[in-house]
Structure formats: structure tokens, C-alpha cells
Amino acid sequence: MIVSDGACMLLGHAARSPRWDIPKGLAEPGESDVAAALRELAEETGLEARERELAALGRHDYLPGKALALFALRRAPLPDPATLRCRASVPLPSGALLPEFDRFGLFAWDEALKRVGRSLARVLAGLGEAAAYGSASALG
């Protein structure tokens, strides 16, 4: 989910990675794309949203064999990144759990595109103003 007020985009820093990212993940069996987007947003940032706040931005090729169902969520003012907490975790080889995102930041649209991975930057750049002036949540 890209959280944006039209000028800045909220990104999470992927733990143990140089990349920043938008909240995204897989829909669970029987879960709609919208429900999964709302769940992922809450799990990965702590932000709660309602379905009526989302605007569908379509399904976009992301990686080979993987597409993203993107949604825009308009938020103004944007939340203070220091108040956000990721509840989703990834296991380390040692068995320890690490939050998927270890911190959050607000970035101008052009700066955000430089911080995310190449494939996501391509998708987001292709959306242009539709994503720049909303917030997108993604499902892969």
C-alpha cells in the first residue's frame, strides 16, 4: 500500500535490505484482494483503513509470474513514521523473528521511486499521478 498525501509517500524499510517498500503480500485462501490489502496494511504498518477509503489501481505485472493488485489510500495528514509498527515478521536462519519493516519514512514521489526495488519502481512509475496522489496497497 502506498500511503501518500499527494506530495509524499510512506515507505517501510525492509529489514536486512537496502530497499524500501510498500506494504504488500499474498491474499490468504478465500480472501479478496481488498481484504488482503487492508490486512497487509494493518500488519505491516499498524494503520487501519476501511474498504471505502481505497481506490483500485488495477493489477500490474511485477515479477515473472507475479502480479500486484494495487489500491490507493488517501491519507492527510500522513502518519508520523516514528509511530508506525510492523507486526509481520520473517524468520532468520537462527529461528529468530525479524519484523518485515524495521522503520518507516516519508519521501517525495521521485525519491521514493529511487528507494524501492527496480520492479516496483517500474510499476509505480507506470501509474503516474494515480498513485502519486493516493496510497497504494499491493498484493502479490
N, C-alpha and C. Protein backbone atom coordinates (compact mmCIF):
# COMPACT_ATOMS: atom_id res chain seq x y z
N MET A 1 0.86 -1.17 0.00
CA MET A 1 0.00 0.00 0.00
C MET A 1 0.90 1.23 0.00
N ILE A 2 0.72 2.11 -0.92
CA ILE A 2 1.46 3.37 -0.90
C ILE A 2 0.60 4.35 -0.14
N VAL A 3 1.11 4.89 0.90
CA VAL A 3 0.36 5.89 1.64
C VAL A 3 0.92 7.24 1.25
N SER A 4 0.05 8.10 0.73
CA SER A 4 0.51 9.37 0.18
C SER A 4 -0.50 10.47 0.48
N ASP A 5 0.01 11.69 0.60
CA ASP A 5 -0.86 12.85 0.75
C ASP A 5 -0.85 13.69 -0.52
N GLY A 6 -0.24 13.18 -1.57
CA GLY A 6 -0.13 13.90 -2.83
C GLY A 6 1.26 14.47 -3.03
N ALA A 7 1.98 14.70 -1.95
CA ALA A 7 3.34 15.23 -2.05
C ALA A 7 4.37 14.20 -1.61
N CYS A 8 4.03 13.41 -0.59
CA CYS A 8 4.95 12.42 -0.05
C CYS A 8 4.31 11.04 -0.04
N MET A 9 5.17 10.04 -0.03
CA MET A 9 4.74 8.65 0.01
C MET A 9 5.36 8.01 1.25
N LEU A 10 4.58 7.18 1.93
CA LEU A 10 5.07 6.43 3.08
C LEU A 10 5.68 5.12 2.59
N LEU A 11 6.91 4.85 3.00
CA LEU A 11 7.58 3.59 2.68
C LEU A 11 8.10 2.96 3.96
N GLY A 12 8.18 1.65 3.95
CA GLY A 12 8.80 0.91 5.04
C GLY A 12 10.16 0.40 4.58
N HIS A 13 11.13 0.43 5.48
CA HIS A 13 12.46 -0.09 5.16
C HIS A 13 12.47 -1.59 5.43
N ALA A 14 12.75 -2.37 4.40
CA ALA A 14 12.78 -3.82 4.52
C ALA A 14 13.98 -4.23 5.38
N ALA A 15 13.71 -4.91 6.48
CA ALA A 15 14.78 -5.32 7.39
C ALA A 15 15.83 -6.14 6.66
N ARG A 16 17.08 -5.90 6.99
CA ARG A 16 18.23 -6.60 6.41
C ARG A 16 18.33 -6.40 4.90
N SER A 17 17.94 -5.23 4.41
CA SER A 17 17.97 -4.93 2.99
C SER A 17 18.26 -3.44 2.81
N PRO A 18 18.83 -3.06 1.68
CA PRO A 18 19.00 -1.63 1.41
C PRO A 18 17.72 -0.99 0.87
N ARG A 19 16.71 -1.81 0.56
CA ARG A 19 15.49 -1.34 -0.11
C ARG A 19 14.40 -0.91 0.85
N TRP A 20 13.59 0.00 0.34
CA TRP A 20 12.35 0.41 0.99
C TRP A 20 11.23 -0.19 0.15
N ASP A 21 10.04 -0.27 0.72
CA ASP A 21 8.96 -0.96 0.02
C ASP A 21 7.60 -0.43 0.49
N ILE A 22 6.57 -0.81 -0.25
CA ILE A 22 5.20 -0.54 0.17
C ILE A 22 4.68 -1.80 0.85
N PRO A 23 3.71 -1.68 1.75
CA PRO A 23 3.12 -2.89 2.31
C PRO A 23 2.47 -3.72 1.21
N LYS A 24 2.82 -4.99 1.16
CA LYS A 24 2.25 -5.88 0.16
C LYS A 24 2.43 -7.31 0.63
N GLY A 25 1.64 -8.20 0.06
CA GLY A 25 1.75 -9.60 0.42
C GLY A 25 0.72 -10.42 -0.32
N LEU A 26 0.65 -11.67 0.02
CA LEU A 26 -0.26 -12.60 -0.65
C LEU A 26 -1.62 -12.64 0.03
N ALA A 27 -2.67 -12.76 -0.77
CA ALA A 27 -4.00 -12.98 -0.23
C ALA A 27 -4.07 -14.40 0.32
N GLU A 28 -4.75 -14.56 1.43
CA GLU A 28 -4.94 -15.89 2.00
C GLU A 28 -6.05 -16.59 1.23
N PRO A 29 -6.12 -17.92 1.28
CA PRO A 29 -7.18 -18.64 0.56
C PRO A 29 -8.57 -18.08 0.91
N GLY A 30 -9.34 -17.75 -0.12
CA GLY A 30 -10.68 -17.23 0.06
C GLY A 30 -10.76 -15.75 0.40
N GLU A 31 -9.62 -15.09 0.54
CA GLU A 31 -9.59 -13.67 0.90
C GLU A 31 -9.61 -12.81 -0.36
N SER A 32 -10.44 -11.78 -0.38
CA SER A 32 -10.47 -10.88 -1.54
C SER A 32 -9.21 -10.02 -1.56
N ASP A 33 -8.91 -9.47 -2.72
CA ASP A 33 -7.74 -8.58 -2.83
C ASP A 33 -7.88 -7.38 -1.90
N VAL A 34 -9.08 -6.82 -1.82
CA VAL A 34 -9.29 -5.64 -0.95
C VAL A 34 -9.07 -6.02 0.51
N ALA A 35 -9.64 -7.13 0.94
CA ALA A 35 -9.48 -7.56 2.34
C ALA A 35 -8.01 -7.83 2.64
N ALA A 36 -7.31 -8.46 1.71
CA ALA A 36 -5.89 -8.74 1.92
C ALA A 36 -5.08 -7.45 1.98
N ALA A 37 -5.40 -6.48 1.13
CA ALA A 37 -4.69 -5.20 1.14
C ALA A 37 -4.87 -4.50 2.49
N LEU A 38 -6.09 -4.50 3.01
CA LEU A 38 -6.35 -3.87 4.30
C LEU A 38 -5.62 -4.61 5.43
N ARG A 39 -5.62 -5.94 5.35
CA ARG A 39 -4.90 -6.74 6.36
C ARG A 39 -3.41 -6.47 6.32
N GLU A 40 -2.84 -6.49 5.11
CA GLU A 40 -1.40 -6.25 4.97
C GLU A 40 -1.01 -4.86 5.48
N LEU A 41 -1.81 -3.86 5.18
CA LEU A 41 -1.55 -2.51 5.66
C LEU A 41 -1.50 -2.49 7.19
N ALA A 42 -2.49 -3.12 7.83
CA ALA A 42 -2.53 -3.15 9.29
C ALA A 42 -1.36 -3.94 9.87
N GLU A 43 -1.06 -5.10 9.29
CA GLU A 43 0.03 -5.94 9.80
C GLU A 43 1.39 -5.27 9.63
N GLU A 44 1.60 -4.62 8.51
CA GLU A 44 2.93 -4.12 8.20
C GLU A 44 3.19 -2.69 8.65
N THR A 45 2.13 -1.94 9.01
CA THR A 45 2.35 -0.56 9.45
C THR A 45 1.61 -0.23 10.75
N GLY A 46 0.57 -0.98 11.07
CA GLY A 46 -0.28 -0.64 12.19
C GLY A 46 -1.41 0.30 11.80
N LEU A 47 -1.44 0.74 10.54
CA LEU A 47 -2.50 1.64 10.08
C LEU A 47 -3.77 0.85 9.78
N GLU A 48 -4.89 1.38 10.20
CA GLU A 48 -6.18 0.78 9.91
C GLU A 48 -6.87 1.63 8.84
N ALA A 49 -7.55 0.99 7.92
CA ALA A 49 -8.31 1.69 6.88
C ALA A 49 -9.57 0.89 6.61
N ARG A 50 -10.52 1.51 5.96
CA ARG A 50 -11.77 0.85 5.58
C ARG A 50 -11.81 0.71 4.06
N GLU A 51 -12.55 -0.28 3.61
CA GLU A 51 -12.64 -0.56 2.17
C GLU A 51 -13.07 0.67 1.38
N ARG A 52 -13.99 1.46 1.91
CA ARG A 52 -14.48 2.62 1.17
C ARG A 52 -13.41 3.70 0.98
N GLU A 53 -12.30 3.60 1.72
CA GLU A 53 -11.20 4.56 1.58
C GLU A 53 -10.25 4.19 0.44
N LEU A 54 -10.38 2.98 -0.10
CA LEU A 54 -9.45 2.51 -1.12
C LEU A 54 -9.97 2.79 -2.53
N ALA A 55 -9.04 3.09 -3.42
CA ALA A 55 -9.34 3.21 -4.85
C ALA A 55 -8.51 2.15 -5.56
N ALA A 56 -9.16 1.33 -6.35
CA ALA A 56 -8.45 0.28 -7.08
C ALA A 56 -7.61 0.89 -8.20
N LEU A 57 -6.36 0.46 -8.30
CA LEU A 57 -5.45 0.94 -9.34
C LEU A 57 -5.12 -0.15 -10.35
N GLY A 58 -5.80 -1.30 -10.24
CA GLY A 58 -5.62 -2.36 -11.22
C GLY A 58 -4.58 -3.39 -10.80
N ARG A 59 -4.43 -4.37 -11.68
CA ARG A 59 -3.47 -5.46 -11.49
C ARG A 59 -2.32 -5.21 -12.46
N HIS A 60 -1.09 -5.33 -11.95
CA HIS A 60 0.09 -4.97 -12.74
C HIS A 60 1.15 -6.05 -12.66
N ASP A 61 1.78 -6.37 -13.81
CA ASP A 61 2.88 -7.33 -13.82
C ASP A 61 4.01 -6.76 -12.96
N TYR A 62 4.53 -7.59 -12.07
CA TYR A 62 5.54 -7.15 -11.11
C TYR A 62 6.84 -7.91 -11.32
N LEU A 63 6.80 -9.20 -11.10
CA LEU A 63 7.93 -10.10 -11.33
C LEU A 63 7.44 -11.21 -12.25
N PRO A 64 8.34 -11.98 -12.86
CA PRO A 64 7.87 -13.08 -13.70
C PRO A 64 6.90 -13.98 -12.94
N GLY A 65 5.70 -14.14 -13.47
CA GLY A 65 4.69 -14.97 -12.85
C GLY A 65 4.03 -14.35 -11.62
N LYS A 66 4.27 -13.08 -11.38
CA LYS A 66 3.72 -12.44 -10.19
C LYS A 66 3.16 -11.06 -10.56
N ALA A 67 1.91 -10.85 -10.20
CA ALA A 67 1.26 -9.56 -10.45
C ALA A 67 0.86 -8.93 -9.12
N LEU A 68 0.74 -7.62 -9.11
CA LEU A 68 0.30 -6.89 -7.93
C LEU A 68 -1.08 -6.29 -8.17
N ALA A 69 -1.99 -6.51 -7.25
CA ALA A 69 -3.28 -5.82 -7.26
C ALA A 69 -3.07 -4.59 -6.40
N LEU A 70 -3.08 -3.42 -7.02
CA LEU A 70 -2.76 -2.19 -6.30
C LEU A 70 -4.01 -1.40 -5.94
N PHE A 71 -3.95 -0.77 -4.77
CA PHE A 71 -5.02 0.08 -4.28
C PHE A 71 -4.42 1.39 -3.79
N ALA A 72 -5.19 2.46 -3.94
CA ALA A 72 -4.76 3.76 -3.43
C ALA A 72 -5.55 4.10 -2.18
N LEU A 73 -4.88 4.62 -1.21
CA LEU A 73 -5.49 5.08 0.03
C LEU A 73 -5.02 6.50 0.28
N ARG A 74 -5.94 7.41 0.31
CA ARG A 74 -5.60 8.81 0.53
C ARG A 74 -5.57 9.09 2.02
N ARG A 75 -4.46 9.64 2.50
CA ARG A 75 -4.32 9.98 3.91
C ARG A 75 -3.70 11.37 4.04
N ALA A 76 -4.41 12.24 4.70
CA ALA A 76 -3.85 13.56 5.01
C ALA A 76 -4.39 13.95 6.38
N PRO A 77 -3.57 14.30 7.30
CA PRO A 77 -2.12 14.28 7.16
C PRO A 77 -1.58 12.86 7.23
N LEU A 78 -0.38 12.69 6.71
CA LEU A 78 0.27 11.39 6.79
C LEU A 78 0.65 11.09 8.23
N PRO A 79 0.67 9.82 8.61
CA PRO A 79 1.06 9.48 9.98
C PRO A 79 2.54 9.76 10.21
N ASP A 80 2.89 10.02 11.44
CA ASP A 80 4.29 10.19 11.82
C ASP A 80 4.95 8.82 11.69
N PRO A 81 5.97 8.68 10.84
CA PRO A 81 6.60 7.37 10.65
C PRO A 81 7.11 6.74 11.95
N ALA A 82 7.49 7.56 12.91
CA ALA A 82 8.02 7.04 14.18
C ALA A 82 6.95 6.31 14.98
N THR A 83 5.67 6.53 14.68
CA THR A 83 4.59 5.90 15.44
C THR A 83 4.15 4.56 14.84
N LEU A 84 4.65 4.22 13.68
CA LEU A 84 4.23 3.00 12.99
C LEU A 84 5.02 1.79 13.47
N ARG A 85 4.36 0.65 13.55
CA ARG A 85 5.00 -0.58 13.99
C ARG A 85 4.58 -1.73 13.09
N CYS A 86 5.56 -2.48 12.64
CA CYS A 86 5.31 -3.66 11.81
C CYS A 86 5.11 -4.86 12.71
N ARG A 87 3.97 -5.54 12.54
CA ARG A 87 3.67 -6.74 13.32
C ARG A 87 3.99 -8.01 12.53
N ALA A 88 4.26 -7.88 11.23
CA ALA A 88 4.60 -9.03 10.39
C ALA A 88 6.09 -9.32 10.53
N SER A 89 6.45 -10.59 10.55
CA SER A 89 7.86 -10.92 10.73
C SER A 89 8.31 -12.00 9.74
N VAL A 90 9.62 -12.07 9.58
CA VAL A 90 10.25 -13.09 8.75
C VAL A 90 11.24 -13.86 9.64
N PRO A 91 11.32 -15.19 9.46
CA PRO A 91 12.24 -15.96 10.28
C PRO A 91 13.67 -15.87 9.75
N LEU A 92 14.61 -15.76 10.65
CA LEU A 92 16.03 -15.81 10.31
C LEU A 92 16.49 -17.26 10.36
N PRO A 93 17.64 -17.59 9.74
CA PRO A 93 18.14 -18.97 9.81
C PRO A 93 18.29 -19.48 11.24
N SER A 94 18.55 -18.56 12.18
CA SER A 94 18.70 -18.95 13.58
C SER A 94 17.37 -19.30 14.24
N GLY A 95 16.26 -18.97 13.55
CA GLY A 95 14.94 -19.20 14.12
C GLY A 95 14.34 -17.94 14.74
N ALA A 96 15.19 -16.93 14.95
CA ALA A 96 14.69 -15.66 15.48
C ALA A 96 13.77 -15.00 14.45
N LEU A 97 12.84 -14.19 14.93
CA LEU A 97 11.92 -13.47 14.04
C LEU A 97 12.34 -12.01 13.95
N LEU A 98 12.27 -11.49 12.75
CA LEU A 98 12.65 -10.11 12.47
C LEU A 98 11.46 -9.42 11.82
N PRO A 99 11.09 -8.20 12.27
CA PRO A 99 9.99 -7.50 11.60
C PRO A 99 10.30 -7.31 10.12
N GLU A 100 9.27 -7.44 9.26
CA GLU A 100 9.49 -7.23 7.82
C GLU A 100 10.01 -5.82 7.55
N PHE A 101 9.46 -4.83 8.25
CA PHE A 101 9.94 -3.45 8.14
C PHE A 101 10.53 -3.04 9.48
N ASP A 102 11.75 -2.46 9.44
CA ASP A 102 12.38 -2.04 10.70
C ASP A 102 12.23 -0.55 10.98
N ARG A 103 11.76 0.22 9.99
CA ARG A 103 11.48 1.64 10.19
C ARG A 103 10.68 2.15 9.00
N PHE A 104 10.15 3.34 9.13
CA PHE A 104 9.32 3.94 8.10
C PHE A 104 9.81 5.35 7.81
N GLY A 105 9.49 5.82 6.61
CA GLY A 105 9.87 7.18 6.24
C GLY A 105 8.90 7.76 5.23
N LEU A 106 8.89 9.09 5.15
CA LEU A 106 8.09 9.81 4.16
C LEU A 106 9.04 10.36 3.11
N PHE A 107 8.70 10.13 1.84
CA PHE A 107 9.59 10.53 0.75
C PHE A 107 8.79 11.19 -0.37
N ALA A 108 9.37 12.20 -0.99
CA ALA A 108 8.78 12.77 -2.20
C ALA A 108 8.69 11.64 -3.22
N TRP A 109 7.70 11.73 -4.11
CA TRP A 109 7.44 10.67 -5.09
C TRP A 109 8.70 10.25 -5.84
N ASP A 110 9.45 11.19 -6.40
CA ASP A 110 10.66 10.85 -7.16
C ASP A 110 11.70 10.16 -6.28
N GLU A 111 11.85 10.61 -5.06
CA GLU A 111 12.80 9.99 -4.13
C GLU A 111 12.35 8.57 -3.77
N ALA A 112 11.05 8.40 -3.56
CA ALA A 112 10.52 7.08 -3.23
C ALA A 112 10.82 6.08 -4.34
N LEU A 113 10.66 6.50 -5.59
CA LEU A 113 10.93 5.59 -6.71
C LEU A 113 12.39 5.16 -6.77
N LYS A 114 13.30 5.98 -6.25
CA LYS A 114 14.72 5.63 -6.21
C LYS A 114 15.03 4.65 -5.09
N ARG A 115 14.19 4.60 -4.07
CA ARG A 115 14.47 3.78 -2.89
C ARG A 115 13.88 2.37 -2.98
N VAL A 116 12.83 2.19 -3.77
CA VAL A 116 12.21 0.87 -3.89
C VAL A 116 12.97 0.05 -4.93
N GLY A 117 12.70 -1.22 -4.97
CA GLY A 117 13.34 -2.09 -5.95
C GLY A 117 12.95 -1.73 -7.38
N ARG A 118 13.76 -2.15 -8.31
CA ARG A 118 13.59 -1.81 -9.72
C ARG A 118 12.21 -2.21 -10.27
N SER A 119 11.75 -3.41 -9.95
CA SER A 119 10.46 -3.87 -10.47
C SER A 119 9.30 -3.06 -9.91
N LEU A 120 9.34 -2.76 -8.62
CA LEU A 120 8.28 -1.95 -8.03
C LEU A 120 8.34 -0.52 -8.57
N ALA A 121 9.54 0.03 -8.73
CA ALA A 121 9.67 1.38 -9.28
C ALA A 121 9.06 1.46 -10.68
N ARG A 122 9.27 0.43 -11.48
CA ARG A 122 8.69 0.39 -12.83
C ARG A 122 7.17 0.41 -12.77
N VAL A 123 6.60 -0.40 -11.88
CA VAL A 123 5.14 -0.46 -11.74
C VAL A 123 4.61 0.89 -11.27
N LEU A 124 5.21 1.44 -10.23
CA LEU A 124 4.72 2.70 -9.68
C LEU A 124 4.88 3.85 -10.65
N ALA A 125 6.00 3.89 -11.36
CA ALA A 125 6.21 4.96 -12.34
C ALA A 125 5.17 4.88 -13.45
N GLY A 126 4.77 3.66 -13.81
CA GLY A 126 3.76 3.49 -14.84
C GLY A 126 2.38 3.95 -14.41
N LEU A 127 2.16 4.02 -13.11
CA LEU A 127 0.87 4.50 -12.60
C LEU A 127 0.77 6.02 -12.63
N GLY A 128 1.91 6.69 -12.60
CA GLY A 128 1.94 8.14 -12.64
C GLY A 128 1.14 8.78 -11.53
N GLU A 129 0.38 9.80 -11.86
CA GLU A 129 -0.32 10.60 -10.87
C GLU A 129 -1.38 9.81 -10.10
N ALA A 130 -1.94 8.76 -10.69
CA ALA A 130 -2.97 7.98 -9.99
C ALA A 130 -2.42 7.46 -8.67
N ALA A 131 -1.17 7.02 -8.65
CA ALA A 131 -0.57 6.52 -7.43
C ALA A 131 0.08 7.65 -6.63
N ALA A 132 0.64 8.62 -7.31
CA ALA A 132 1.32 9.71 -6.62
C ALA A 132 0.38 10.47 -5.71
N TYR A 133 -0.90 10.54 -6.08
CA TYR A 133 -1.85 11.31 -5.30
C TYR A 133 -2.79 10.46 -4.48
N GLY A 134 -2.40 9.23 -4.27
CA GLY A 134 -3.17 8.36 -3.40
C GLY A 134 -2.20 7.52 -2.63
N SER A 135 -2.66 6.40 -2.08
CA SER A 135 -1.81 5.45 -1.41
C SER A 135 -2.13 4.09 -1.98
N ALA A 136 -1.15 3.34 -2.34
CA ALA A 136 -1.44 2.04 -2.93
C ALA A 136 -1.06 0.94 -1.98
N SER A 137 -1.89 -0.05 -1.90
CA SER A 137 -1.57 -1.26 -1.18
C SER A 137 -1.47 -2.37 -2.20
N ALA A 138 -0.52 -3.23 -2.04
CA ALA A 138 -0.29 -4.22 -3.07
C ALA A 138 -0.44 -5.64 -2.52
N LEU A 139 -0.88 -6.51 -3.40
CA LEU A 139 -0.92 -7.93 -3.13
C LEU A 139 -0.15 -8.62 -4.23
N GLY A 140 0.69 -9.56 -3.87
CA GLY A 140 1.47 -10.23 -4.88
C GLY A 140 1.04 -11.63 -5.12
